[in-house]
Amino acid sequence: MIITVTLNPAVDRTVEIDNFEIGAVNRIVSEQVDAGGKGINVSKTIKNLNGKSKALGIIGGKTGLFIKDYLDKKGIENEFIQVQSETRTNLKIVDKIRKTNTDINEPGPMITIEDIEKVEDLLLKNLSNKSIVVFSGSVPVNINSRIYGRWIKKSKAKGAKTILDADGDQLKYGIAEGPYLCKPNIKELEMLAGKKIENPAEAILLGEKIIKDNGIEIMVISMGEKGAIFINKNCSYYVNTIEVEVKSTVGAGDAMVAALAYCLDIGYDMEETIRLSMASGIAAVMSTGSQAASYETIMELKRKIVF
């Protein structure tokens, strides 16, 4: 089974405002509330791909209960450690007139070492040598920057395949533990390199070096409207995206990670994996809020992926 880990989940409140202006009174045209956080978004897309996952993590307060109820109603298996502090709420402002998406994200609650130890116990209890575990998203501000790296190492020791989708030090130290698959975006890759990456060829060379140096099997570099790069130990692919109407950029990377995890779980080859993960990411930007795209939309786009 696929396990997703979300240490800093959120209730995503997406509001649509025409001609959004800083320092002015703005009127909301419509709003939508979803359970969010990167790992939870991954589980939502896996569900829509007709796959199965179990969402693990930390929730607290009324917003935390909203997230659990949301997942229960969607039929997504979940198990959370509950804390007293309130789970964060993130505000997403979508302006269709100016074609902008603005995120205002809360940092999330402080949690204790004991809370993290409980999550670790929960994670290891759920793992087997057939598991695929996804570590994605931010962590509470007081948590050690090596936590994903530590859990990647422990998960690998149990025979699980690990996927890492994080930024900053969590990405840096996580990569050093050799996850099976890593999905940085181009800005995160530049952070690792300490320099601007000028073109896809340069990104491929850097990705190939990171794979070789850290024992990673697959690296996927997402580049937004410029497409994505897929690299394994044998070859690399640069895949262009498809032009679609963008309704929300929230969760596009998560949808891609969901498809990557699903394909690993099913045992798809590299080319089928590329088509489904690209289609899932593109479909996500066509959806409002942090809703997962429908199976039908993803399959329709999958037929249009050419590389």
C-alpha atoms as a PDB file:
ATOM      1  CA  MET A   1       0.000   0.000   0.000  1.00  0.00           C
ATOM      2  CA  ILE A   2       0.985   3.623  -0.533  1.00  0.00           C
ATOM      3  CA  ILE A   3       1.515   5.571   2.692  1.00  0.00           C
ATOM      4  CA  THR A   4       1.478   9.382   2.664  1.00  0.00           C
ATOM      5  CA  VAL A   5       2.952  11.373   5.526  1.00  0.00           C
ATOM      6  CA  THR A   6       1.732  14.913   6.250  1.00  0.00           C
ATOM      7  CA  LEU A   7       3.300  16.547   9.302  1.00  0.00           C
ATOM      8  CA  ASN A   8       1.817  19.978   8.635  1.00  0.00           C
ATOM      9  CA  PRO A   9      -1.644  19.493   7.088  1.00  0.00           C
ATOM     10  CA  ALA A  10      -3.989  22.386   6.435  1.00  0.00           C
ATOM     11  CA  VAL A  11      -7.521  23.380   5.701  1.00  0.00           C
ATOM     12  CA  ASP A  12      -7.252  25.125   2.331  1.00  0.00           C
ATOM     13  CA  ARG A  13      -9.691  28.023   1.902  1.00  0.00           C
ATOM     14  CA  THR A  14      -9.671  29.124  -1.726  1.00  0.00           C
ATOM     15  CA  VAL A  15     -11.377  32.411  -2.574  1.00  0.00           C
ATOM     16  CA  GLU A  16     -11.942  33.890  -6.003  1.00  0.00           C
ATOM     17  CA  ILE A  17     -11.538  37.680  -6.202  1.00  0.00           C
ATOM     18  CA  ASP A  18     -11.715  39.648  -9.453  1.00  0.00           C
ATOM     19  CA  ASN A  19      -8.986  42.293  -9.831  1.00  0.00           C
ATOM     20  CA  PHE A  20      -7.454  41.535  -6.436  1.00  0.00           C
ATOM     21  CA  GLU A  21      -5.617  44.586  -5.072  1.00  0.00           C
ATOM     22  CA  ILE A  22      -3.235  45.004  -2.143  1.00  0.00           C
ATOM     23  CA  GLY A  23      -4.337  47.764   0.250  1.00  0.00           C
ATOM     24  CA  ALA A  24      -7.915  47.869  -1.024  1.00  0.00           C
ATOM     25  CA  VAL A  25     -11.301  46.365  -0.148  1.00  0.00           C
ATOM     26  CA  ASN A  26     -11.751  43.156  -2.157  1.00  0.00           C
ATOM     27  CA  ARG A  27     -15.019  41.290  -2.708  1.00  0.00           C
ATOM     28  CA  ILE A  28     -15.085  37.490  -2.747  1.00  0.00           C
ATOM     29  CA  VAL A  29     -16.838  36.049  -5.801  1.00  0.00           C
ATOM     30  CA  SER A  30     -16.775  32.431  -4.607  1.00  0.00           C
ATOM     31  CA  GLU A  31     -15.032  30.255  -2.062  1.00  0.00           C
ATOM     32  CA  GLN A  32     -14.174  26.606  -1.512  1.00  0.00           C
ATOM     33  CA  VAL A  33     -12.822  24.712   1.494  1.00  0.00           C
ATOM     34  CA  ASP A  34     -10.759  21.517   1.159  1.00  0.00           C
ATOM     35  CA  ALA A  35      -8.560  19.305   3.300  1.00  0.00           C
ATOM     36  CA  GLY A  36      -4.990  20.046   2.286  1.00  0.00           C
ATOM     37  CA  GLY A  37      -1.322  19.545   2.955  1.00  0.00           C
ATOM     38  CA  LYS A  38       0.900  17.908   0.360  1.00  0.00           C
ATOM     39  CA  GLY A  39       0.633  14.311   1.543  1.00  0.00           C
ATOM     40  CA  ILE A  40      -3.138  14.592   1.891  1.00  0.00           C
ATOM     41  CA  ASN A  41      -3.338  16.049  -1.629  1.00  0.00           C
ATOM     42  CA  VAL A  42      -1.348  13.043  -2.848  1.00  0.00           C
ATOM     43  CA  SER A  43      -3.822  10.656  -1.212  1.00  0.00           C
ATOM     44  CA  LYS A  44      -6.756  12.511  -2.807  1.00  0.00           C
ATOM     45  CA  THR A  45      -5.354  12.064  -6.329  1.00  0.00           C
ATOM     46  CA  ILE A  46      -4.431   8.415  -5.699  1.00  0.00           C
ATOM     47  CA  LYS A  47      -8.075   7.850  -4.734  1.00  0.00           C
ATOM     48  CA  ASN A  48      -9.253   9.406  -8.002  1.00  0.00           C
ATOM     49  CA  LEU A  49      -6.831   7.174  -9.925  1.00  0.00           C
ATOM     50  CA  ASN A  50      -8.640   4.211  -8.336  1.00  0.00           C
ATOM     51  CA  GLY A  51      -5.624   3.458  -6.162  1.00  0.00           C
ATOM     52  CA  LYS A  52      -5.385   2.957  -2.420  1.00  0.00           C
ATOM     53  CA  SER A  53      -3.366   4.886   0.126  1.00  0.00           C
ATOM     54  CA  LYS A  54      -3.307   5.546   3.834  1.00  0.00           C
ATOM     55  CA  ALA A  55      -2.750   9.095   5.058  1.00  0.00           C
ATOM     56  CA  LEU A  56      -0.676   9.480   8.229  1.00  0.00           C
ATOM     57  CA  GLY A  57       0.241  12.624  10.132  1.00  0.00           C
ATOM     58  CA  ILE A  58      -0.688  15.106  12.830  1.00  0.00           C
ATOM     59  CA  ILE A  59      -3.968  16.962  13.304  1.00  0.00           C
ATOM     60  CA  GLY A  60      -5.339  19.212  16.026  1.00  0.00           C
ATOM     61  CA  GLY A  61      -8.475  21.110  17.014  1.00  0.00           C
ATOM     62  CA  LYS A  62     -11.584  21.686  14.927  1.00  0.00           C
ATOM     63  CA  THR A  63      -9.658  22.166  11.690  1.00  0.00           C
ATOM     64  CA  GLY A  64      -7.918  18.862  12.284  1.00  0.00           C
ATOM     65  CA  LEU A  65     -11.261  17.129  12.794  1.00  0.00           C
ATOM     66  CA  PHE A  66     -12.480  18.717   9.552  1.00  0.00           C
ATOM     67  CA  ILE A  67      -9.561  17.096   7.711  1.00  0.00           C
ATOM     68  CA  LYS A  68     -10.241  13.658   9.187  1.00  0.00           C
ATOM     69  CA  ASP A  69     -13.956  13.901   8.425  1.00  0.00           C
ATOM     70  CA  TYR A  70     -13.169  15.018   4.866  1.00  0.00           C
ATOM     71  CA  LEU A  71     -10.927  11.996   4.279  1.00  0.00           C
ATOM     72  CA  ASP A  72     -13.397   9.616   5.891  1.00  0.00           C
ATOM     73  CA  LYS A  73     -16.169  10.844   3.595  1.00  0.00           C
ATOM     74  CA  LYS A  74     -13.886  10.453   0.564  1.00  0.00           C
ATOM     75  CA  GLY A  75     -13.151   6.866   1.574  1.00  0.00           C
ATOM     76  CA  ILE A  76      -9.434   7.547   2.105  1.00  0.00           C
ATOM     77  CA  GLU A  77      -7.947   5.447   4.903  1.00  0.00           C
ATOM     78  CA  ASN A  78      -6.206   7.600   7.498  1.00  0.00           C
ATOM     79  CA  GLU A  79      -4.602   7.536  10.918  1.00  0.00           C
ATOM     80  CA  PHE A  80      -3.443  10.650  12.738  1.00  0.00           C
ATOM     81  CA  ILE A  81      -1.773  11.643  15.958  1.00  0.00           C
ATOM     82  CA  GLN A  82      -3.974  14.279  17.615  1.00  0.00           C
ATOM     83  CA  VAL A  83      -2.507  17.314  19.368  1.00  0.00           C
ATOM     84  CA  GLN A  84      -4.170  20.183  21.217  1.00  0.00           C
ATOM     85  CA  SER A  85      -2.961  22.986  18.939  1.00  0.00           C
ATOM     86  CA  GLU A  86      -5.167  23.894  15.994  1.00  0.00           C
ATOM     87  CA  THR A  87      -4.233  22.624  12.540  1.00  0.00           C
ATOM     88  CA  ARG A  88      -3.427  25.558  10.271  1.00  0.00           C
ATOM     89  CA  THR A  89      -5.688  27.180   7.697  1.00  0.00           C
ATOM     90  CA  ASN A  90      -4.187  28.387   4.411  1.00  0.00           C
ATOM     91  CA  LEU A  91      -5.758  31.074   2.254  1.00  0.00           C
ATOM     92  CA  LYS A  92      -5.525  30.834  -1.544  1.00  0.00           C
ATOM     93  CA  ILE A  93      -6.566  33.895  -3.546  1.00  0.00           C
ATOM     94  CA  VAL A  94      -7.412  33.266  -7.191  1.00  0.00           C
ATOM     95  CA  ASP A  95      -7.859  36.216  -9.556  1.00  0.00           C
ATOM     96  CA  LYS A  96      -9.125  35.026 -12.938  1.00  0.00           C
ATOM     97  CA  ILE A  97      -9.032  38.540 -14.389  1.00  0.00           C
ATOM     98  CA  ARG A  98      -5.347  39.126 -13.684  1.00  0.00           C
ATOM     99  CA  LYS A  99      -4.552  35.406 -13.901  1.00  0.00           C
ATOM    100  CA  THR A 100      -2.806  35.290 -10.527  1.00  0.00           C
ATOM    101  CA  ASN A 101      -2.759  32.804  -7.657  1.00  0.00           C
ATOM    102  CA  THR A 102      -1.693  34.116  -4.246  1.00  0.00           C
ATOM    103  CA  ASP A 103      -1.010  31.787  -1.307  1.00  0.00           C
ATOM    104  CA  ILE A 104      -1.083  32.978   2.308  1.00  0.00           C
ATOM    105  CA  ASN A 105       0.046  30.006   4.387  1.00  0.00           C
ATOM    106  CA  GLU A 106       0.116  29.739   8.168  1.00  0.00           C
ATOM    107  CA  PRO A 107       3.277  28.175   9.665  1.00  0.00           C
ATOM    108  CA  GLY A 108       1.315  25.561  11.587  1.00  0.00           C
ATOM    109  CA  PRO A 109       1.340  24.552  15.256  1.00  0.00           C
ATOM    110  CA  MET A 110       4.367  23.777  17.390  1.00  0.00           C
ATOM    111  CA  ILE A 111       4.552  20.097  18.252  1.00  0.00           C
ATOM    112  CA  THR A 112       6.624  18.128  20.740  1.00  0.00           C
ATOM    113  CA  ILE A 113       9.346  15.527  20.360  1.00  0.00           C
ATOM    114  CA  GLU A 114       6.879  13.043  21.851  1.00  0.00           C
ATOM    115  CA  ASP A 115       4.398  13.850  19.069  1.00  0.00           C
ATOM    116  CA  ILE A 116       7.047  13.157  16.414  1.00  0.00           C
ATOM    117  CA  GLU A 117       8.011   9.904  18.118  1.00  0.00           C
ATOM    118  CA  LYS A 118       4.356   8.835  18.020  1.00  0.00           C
ATOM    119  CA  VAL A 119       4.203   9.594  14.283  1.00  0.00           C
ATOM    120  CA  GLU A 120       7.402   7.609  13.739  1.00  0.00           C
ATOM    121  CA  ASP A 121       5.958   4.632  15.605  1.00  0.00           C
ATOM    122  CA  LEU A 122       2.764   4.944  13.559  1.00  0.00           C
ATOM    123  CA  LEU A 123       4.727   5.082  10.310  1.00  0.00           C
ATOM    124  CA  LEU A 124       6.929   2.082  11.036  1.00  0.00           C
ATOM    125  CA  LYS A 125       3.923   0.061  12.219  1.00  0.00           C
ATOM    126  CA  ASN A 126       2.270   0.585   8.834  1.00  0.00           C
ATOM    127  CA  LEU A 127       5.281  -0.270   6.654  1.00  0.00           C
ATOM    128  CA  SER A 128       6.269  -3.507   4.971  1.00  0.00           C
ATOM    129  CA  ASN A 129       8.561  -4.494   2.123  1.00  0.00           C
ATOM    130  CA  LYS A 130       5.646  -3.865  -0.261  1.00  0.00           C
ATOM    131  CA  SER A 131       5.031  -0.304   0.925  1.00  0.00           C
ATOM    132  CA  ILE A 132       5.622   2.921  -0.971  1.00  0.00           C
ATOM    133  CA  VAL A 133       5.890   5.841   1.422  1.00  0.00           C
ATOM    134  CA  VAL A 134       5.604   9.484   0.351  1.00  0.00           C
ATOM    135  CA  PHE A 135       7.313  12.171   2.445  1.00  0.00           C
ATOM    136  CA  SER A 136       6.132  15.546   1.217  1.00  0.00           C
ATOM    137  CA  GLY A 137       5.565  19.112   2.237  1.00  0.00           C
ATOM    138  CA  SER A 138       6.603  21.362   5.061  1.00  0.00           C
ATOM    139  CA  VAL A 139       7.104  20.331   8.665  1.00  0.00           C
ATOM    140  CA  PRO A 140       6.265  22.245  11.860  1.00  0.00           C
ATOM    141  CA  VAL A 141       8.790  25.015  12.486  1.00  0.00           C
ATOM    142  CA  ASN A 142      10.346  23.404  15.572  1.00  0.00           C
ATOM    143  CA  ILE A 143      10.992  20.011  13.956  1.00  0.00           C
ATOM    144  CA  ASN A 144      14.506  18.890  13.053  1.00  0.00           C
ATOM    145  CA  SER A 145      15.439  19.528   9.428  1.00  0.00           C
ATOM    146  CA  ARG A 146      16.666  15.938   9.074  1.00  0.00           C
ATOM    147  CA  ILE A 147      13.357  14.263   9.951  1.00  0.00           C
ATOM    148  CA  TYR A 148      12.532  13.107   6.416  1.00  0.00           C
ATOM    149  CA  GLY A 149      16.070  11.835   5.971  1.00  0.00           C
ATOM    150  CA  ARG A 150      15.802   9.840   9.181  1.00  0.00           C
ATOM    151  CA  TRP A 151      12.486   8.330   8.162  1.00  0.00           C
ATOM    152  CA  ILE A 152      13.712   7.532   4.657  1.00  0.00           C
ATOM    153  CA  LYS A 153      16.554   5.554   6.205  1.00  0.00           C
ATOM    154  CA  LYS A 154      14.223   3.695   8.602  1.00  0.00           C
ATOM    155  CA  SER A 155      11.671   3.010   5.855  1.00  0.00           C
ATOM    156  CA  LYS A 156      14.332   1.604   3.534  1.00  0.00           C
ATOM    157  CA  ALA A 157      15.493  -0.678   6.337  1.00  0.00           C
ATOM    158  CA  LYS A 158      11.988  -2.196   6.319  1.00  0.00           C
ATOM    159  CA  GLY A 159      12.173  -2.724   2.558  1.00  0.00           C
ATOM    160  CA  ALA A 160       9.837   0.116   1.597  1.00  0.00           C
ATOM    161  CA  LYS A 161      10.326   2.334  -1.453  1.00  0.00           C
ATOM    162  CA  THR A 162      10.442   6.019  -0.527  1.00  0.00           C
ATOM    163  CA  ILE A 163       9.420   9.157  -2.415  1.00  0.00           C
ATOM    164  CA  LEU A 164      10.645  12.597  -1.342  1.00  0.00           C
ATOM    165  CA  ASP A 165       8.951  15.876  -2.296  1.00  0.00           C
ATOM    166  CA  ALA A 166      10.222  18.629  -0.022  1.00  0.00           C
ATOM    167  CA  ASP A 167      12.248  21.818  -0.088  1.00  0.00           C
ATOM    168  CA  GLY A 168      15.074  23.475   1.816  1.00  0.00           C
ATOM    169  CA  ASP A 169      17.023  21.397   4.313  1.00  0.00           C
ATOM    170  CA  GLN A 170      14.407  18.626   4.321  1.00  0.00           C
ATOM    171  CA  LEU A 171      15.194  18.102   0.630  1.00  0.00           C
ATOM    172  CA  LYS A 172      18.942  18.427   1.109  1.00  0.00           C
ATOM    173  CA  TYR A 173      19.217  15.949   3.969  1.00  0.00           C
ATOM    174  CA  GLY A 174      16.511  13.678   2.592  1.00  0.00           C
ATOM    175  CA  ILE A 175      18.328  13.236  -0.718  1.00  0.00           C
ATOM    176  CA  ALA A 176      21.475  12.239   1.167  1.00  0.00           C
ATOM    177  CA  GLU A 177      19.633   9.138   2.470  1.00  0.00           C
ATOM    178  CA  GLY A 178      18.904   7.930  -1.046  1.00  0.00           C
ATOM    179  CA  PRO A 179      15.129   7.889  -1.543  1.00  0.00           C
ATOM    180  CA  TYR A 180      13.906   5.666  -4.360  1.00  0.00           C
ATOM    181  CA  LEU A 181      12.357   8.670  -6.122  1.00  0.00           C
ATOM    182  CA  CYS A 182      12.831  12.399  -5.612  1.00  0.00           C
ATOM    183  CA  LYS A 183      10.708  15.156  -7.163  1.00  0.00           C
ATOM    184  CA  PRO A 184      12.198  18.633  -6.797  1.00  0.00           C
ATOM    185  CA  ASN A 185      10.892  21.534  -8.814  1.00  0.00           C
ATOM    186  CA  ILE A 186      13.366  23.633 -10.757  1.00  0.00           C
ATOM    187  CA  LYS A 187      13.734  26.257  -7.990  1.00  0.00           C
ATOM    188  CA  GLU A 188      14.450  23.551  -5.414  1.00  0.00           C
ATOM    189  CA  LEU A 189      17.042  22.037  -7.743  1.00  0.00           C
ATOM    190  CA  GLU A 190      18.682  25.452  -8.073  1.00  0.00           C
ATOM    191  CA  MET A 191      18.796  25.646  -4.276  1.00  0.00           C
ATOM    192  CA  LEU A 192      20.641  22.324  -4.176  1.00  0.00           C
ATOM    193  CA  ALA A 193      23.036  23.449  -6.894  1.00  0.00           C
ATOM    194  CA  GLY A 194      23.554  26.897  -5.415  1.00  0.00           C
ATOM    195  CA  LYS A 195      23.154  28.489  -8.837  1.00  0.00           C
ATOM    196  CA  LYS A 196      20.693  29.388 -11.584  1.00  0.00           C
ATOM    197  CA  ILE A 197      19.912  26.555 -14.002  1.00  0.00           C
ATOM    198  CA  GLU A 198      19.777  27.991 -17.499  1.00  0.00           C
ATOM    199  CA  ASN A 199      18.226  25.186 -19.568  1.00  0.00           C
ATOM    200  CA  PRO A 200      16.847  21.614 -19.439  1.00  0.00           C
ATOM    201  CA  ALA A 201      20.181  20.115 -20.517  1.00  0.00           C
ATOM    202  CA  GLU A 202      21.871  21.658 -17.487  1.00  0.00           C
ATOM    203  CA  ALA A 203      19.085  20.381 -15.233  1.00  0.00           C
ATOM    204  CA  ILE A 204      19.491  16.867 -16.647  1.00  0.00           C
ATOM    205  CA  LEU A 205      23.234  16.856 -15.992  1.00  0.00           C
ATOM    206  CA  LEU A 206      22.704  17.990 -12.405  1.00  0.00           C
ATOM    207  CA  GLY A 207      19.906  15.464 -11.872  1.00  0.00           C
ATOM    208  CA  GLU A 208      22.068  12.640 -13.218  1.00  0.00           C
ATOM    209  CA  LYS A 209      24.872  13.607 -10.838  1.00  0.00           C
ATOM    210  CA  ILE A 210      22.520  13.694  -7.821  1.00  0.00           C
ATOM    211  CA  ILE A 211      21.155  10.256  -8.742  1.00  0.00           C
ATOM    212  CA  LYS A 212      24.637   8.784  -9.057  1.00  0.00           C
ATOM    213  CA  ASP A 213      26.025  10.390  -5.896  1.00  0.00           C
ATOM    214  CA  ASN A 214      23.098   9.446  -3.641  1.00  0.00           C
ATOM    215  CA  GLY A 215      21.837   6.118  -4.935  1.00  0.00           C
ATOM    216  CA  ILE A 216      18.486   7.465  -6.137  1.00  0.00           C
ATOM    217  CA  GLU A 217      16.633   5.409  -8.750  1.00  0.00           C
ATOM    218  CA  ILE A 218      14.434   8.118 -10.301  1.00  0.00           C
ATOM    219  CA  MET A 219      14.412  11.906 -10.253  1.00  0.00           C
ATOM    220  CA  VAL A 220      11.561  13.992 -11.631  1.00  0.00           C
ATOM    221  CA  ILE A 221      12.172  17.727 -12.040  1.00  0.00           C
ATOM    222  CA  SER A 222       8.959  19.726 -12.458  1.00  0.00           C
ATOM    223  CA  MET A 223       9.221  23.035 -14.315  1.00  0.00           C
ATOM    224  CA  GLY A 224       5.665  24.367 -14.337  1.00  0.00           C
ATOM    225  CA  GLU A 225       4.556  25.561 -17.756  1.00  0.00           C
ATOM    226  CA  LYS A 226       7.887  24.423 -19.220  1.00  0.00           C
ATOM    227  CA  GLY A 227       7.125  20.763 -18.577  1.00  0.00           C
ATOM    228  CA  ALA A 228       9.159  18.236 -16.637  1.00  0.00           C
ATOM    229  CA  ILE A 229      12.306  16.126 -16.766  1.00  0.00           C
ATOM    230  CA  PHE A 230      12.332  12.423 -15.883  1.00  0.00           C
ATOM    231  CA  ILE A 231      15.675  10.771 -15.139  1.00  0.00           C
ATOM    232  CA  ASN A 232      16.639   7.240 -14.166  1.00  0.00           C
ATOM    233  CA  LYS A 233      19.975   5.419 -14.245  1.00  0.00           C
ATOM    234  CA  ASN A 234      19.556   4.492 -17.899  1.00  0.00           C
ATOM    235  CA  CYS A 235      18.030   7.484 -19.641  1.00  0.00           C
ATOM    236  CA  SER A 236      16.380  10.884 -19.355  1.00  0.00           C
ATOM    237  CA  TYR A 237      13.267  12.452 -20.885  1.00  0.00           C
ATOM    238  CA  TYR A 238      12.297  16.090 -21.315  1.00  0.00           C
ATOM    239  CA  VAL A 239       8.504  16.306 -21.658  1.00  0.00           C
ATOM    240  CA  ASN A 240       6.572  19.408 -22.681  1.00  0.00           C
ATOM    241  CA  THR A 241       3.307  20.265 -20.986  1.00  0.00           C
ATOM    242  CA  ILE A 242      -0.082  20.835 -22.632  1.00  0.00           C
ATOM    243  CA  GLU A 243      -1.634  24.282 -22.725  1.00  0.00           C
ATOM    244  CA  VAL A 244      -4.840  24.310 -20.664  1.00  0.00           C
ATOM    245  CA  GLU A 245      -6.953  26.792 -18.731  1.00  0.00           C
ATOM    246  CA  VAL A 246      -5.308  27.288 -15.333  1.00  0.00           C
ATOM    247  CA  LYS A 247      -7.834  27.507 -12.506  1.00  0.00           C
ATOM    248  CA  SER A 248      -5.488  26.840  -9.577  1.00  0.00           C
ATOM    249  CA  THR A 249      -1.816  25.945  -9.235  1.00  0.00           C
ATOM    250  CA  VAL A 250      -2.400  24.392  -5.806  1.00  0.00           C
ATOM    251  CA  GLY A 251      -1.608  20.689  -5.730  1.00  0.00           C
ATOM    252  CA  ALA A 252      -0.191  20.254  -9.239  1.00  0.00           C
ATOM    253  CA  GLY A 253       3.101  18.867  -7.940  1.00  0.00           C
ATOM    254  CA  ASP A 254       1.214  16.729  -5.433  1.00  0.00           C
ATOM    255  CA  ALA A 255      -0.907  15.232  -8.223  1.00  0.00           C
ATOM    256  CA  MET A 256       2.244  14.358 -10.133  1.00  0.00           C
ATOM    257  CA  VAL A 257       3.726  12.693  -7.035  1.00  0.00           C
ATOM    258  CA  ALA A 258       0.464  10.782  -6.535  1.00  0.00           C
ATOM    259  CA  ALA A 259       0.668   9.361 -10.043  1.00  0.00           C
ATOM    260  CA  LEU A 260       4.349   8.497  -9.596  1.00  0.00           C
ATOM    261  CA  ALA A 261       3.547   6.599  -6.389  1.00  0.00           C
ATOM    262  CA  TYR A 262       0.574   4.879  -8.036  1.00  0.00           C
ATOM    263  CA  CYS A 263       2.695   3.797 -11.019  1.00  0.00           C
ATOM    264  CA  LEU A 264       5.391   2.396  -8.724  1.00  0.00           C
ATOM    265  CA  ASP A 265       2.738   0.501  -6.811  1.00  0.00           C
ATOM    266  CA  ILE A 266       1.183  -0.945  -9.997  1.00  0.00           C
ATOM    267  CA  GLY A 267       4.549  -1.623 -11.635  1.00  0.00           C
ATOM    268  CA  TYR A 268       4.187   0.579 -14.722  1.00  0.00           C
ATOM    269  CA  ASP A 269       7.181   1.122 -17.007  1.00  0.00           C
ATOM    270  CA  MET A 270       8.882   4.503 -17.345  1.00  0.00           C
ATOM    271  CA  GLU A 271       6.950   5.698 -20.385  1.00  0.00           C
ATOM    272  CA  GLU A 272       3.539   4.864 -18.896  1.00  0.00           C
ATOM    273  CA  THR A 273       4.639   6.529 -15.659  1.00  0.00           C
ATOM    274  CA  ILE A 274       5.604   9.688 -17.515  1.00  0.00           C
ATOM    275  CA  ARG A 275       2.270   9.898 -19.335  1.00  0.00           C
ATOM    276  CA  LEU A 276       0.144   9.383 -16.236  1.00  0.00           C
ATOM    277  CA  SER A 277       2.151  11.676 -13.958  1.00  0.00           C
ATOM    278  CA  MET A 278       2.252  14.492 -16.523  1.00  0.00           C
ATOM    279  CA  ALA A 279      -1.486  14.150 -17.146  1.00  0.00           C
ATOM    280  CA  SER A 280      -2.232  14.184 -13.414  1.00  0.00           C
ATOM    281  CA  GLY A 281      -0.201  17.339 -12.837  1.00  0.00           C
ATOM    282  CA  ILE A 282      -1.799  19.141 -15.776  1.00  0.00           C
ATOM    283  CA  ALA A 283      -5.287  18.046 -14.720  1.00  0.00           C
ATOM    284  CA  ALA A 284      -4.697  19.491 -11.255  1.00  0.00           C
ATOM    285  CA  VAL A 285      -4.260  23.047 -12.555  1.00  0.00           C
ATOM    286  CA  MET A 286      -7.597  22.713 -14.332  1.00  0.00           C
ATOM    287  CA  SER A 287      -9.347  22.048 -10.991  1.00  0.00           C
ATOM    288  CA  THR A 288     -10.488  24.685  -8.503  1.00  0.00           C
ATOM    289  CA  GLY A 289      -9.011  24.956  -5.022  1.00  0.00           C
ATOM    290  CA  SER A 290      -7.016  21.925  -3.935  1.00  0.00           C
ATOM    291  CA  GLN A 291      -9.564  19.478  -5.308  1.00  0.00           C
ATOM    292  CA  ALA A 292      -8.155  16.400  -7.011  1.00  0.00           C
ATOM    293  CA  ALA A 293      -8.833  16.123 -10.727  1.00  0.00           C
ATOM    294  CA  SER A 294     -11.242  13.466 -11.932  1.00  0.00           C
ATOM    295  CA  TYR A 295     -10.123  10.149 -13.386  1.00  0.00           C
ATOM    296  CA  GLU A 296     -11.798  11.003 -16.695  1.00  0.00           C
ATOM    297  CA  THR A 297      -9.925  14.306 -17.032  1.00  0.00           C
ATOM    298  CA  ILE A 298      -6.589  12.666 -16.268  1.00  0.00           C
ATOM    299  CA  MET A 299      -7.162   9.849 -18.788  1.00  0.00           C
ATOM    300  CA  GLU A 300      -8.203  12.308 -21.496  1.00  0.00           C
ATOM    301  CA  LEU A 301      -5.012  14.323 -21.001  1.00  0.00           C
ATOM    302  CA  LYS A 302      -2.881  11.164 -20.785  1.00  0.00           C
ATOM    303  CA  ARG A 303      -3.716  10.372 -24.401  1.00  0.00           C
ATOM    304  CA  LYS A 304      -2.322  13.777 -25.432  1.00  0.00           C
ATOM    305  CA  ILE A 305       1.099  13.442 -23.768  1.00  0.00           C
ATOM    306  CA  VAL A 306       3.786  13.137 -26.440  1.00  0.00           C
ATOM    307  CA  PHE A 307       7.541  12.771 -25.911  1.00  0.00           C
END
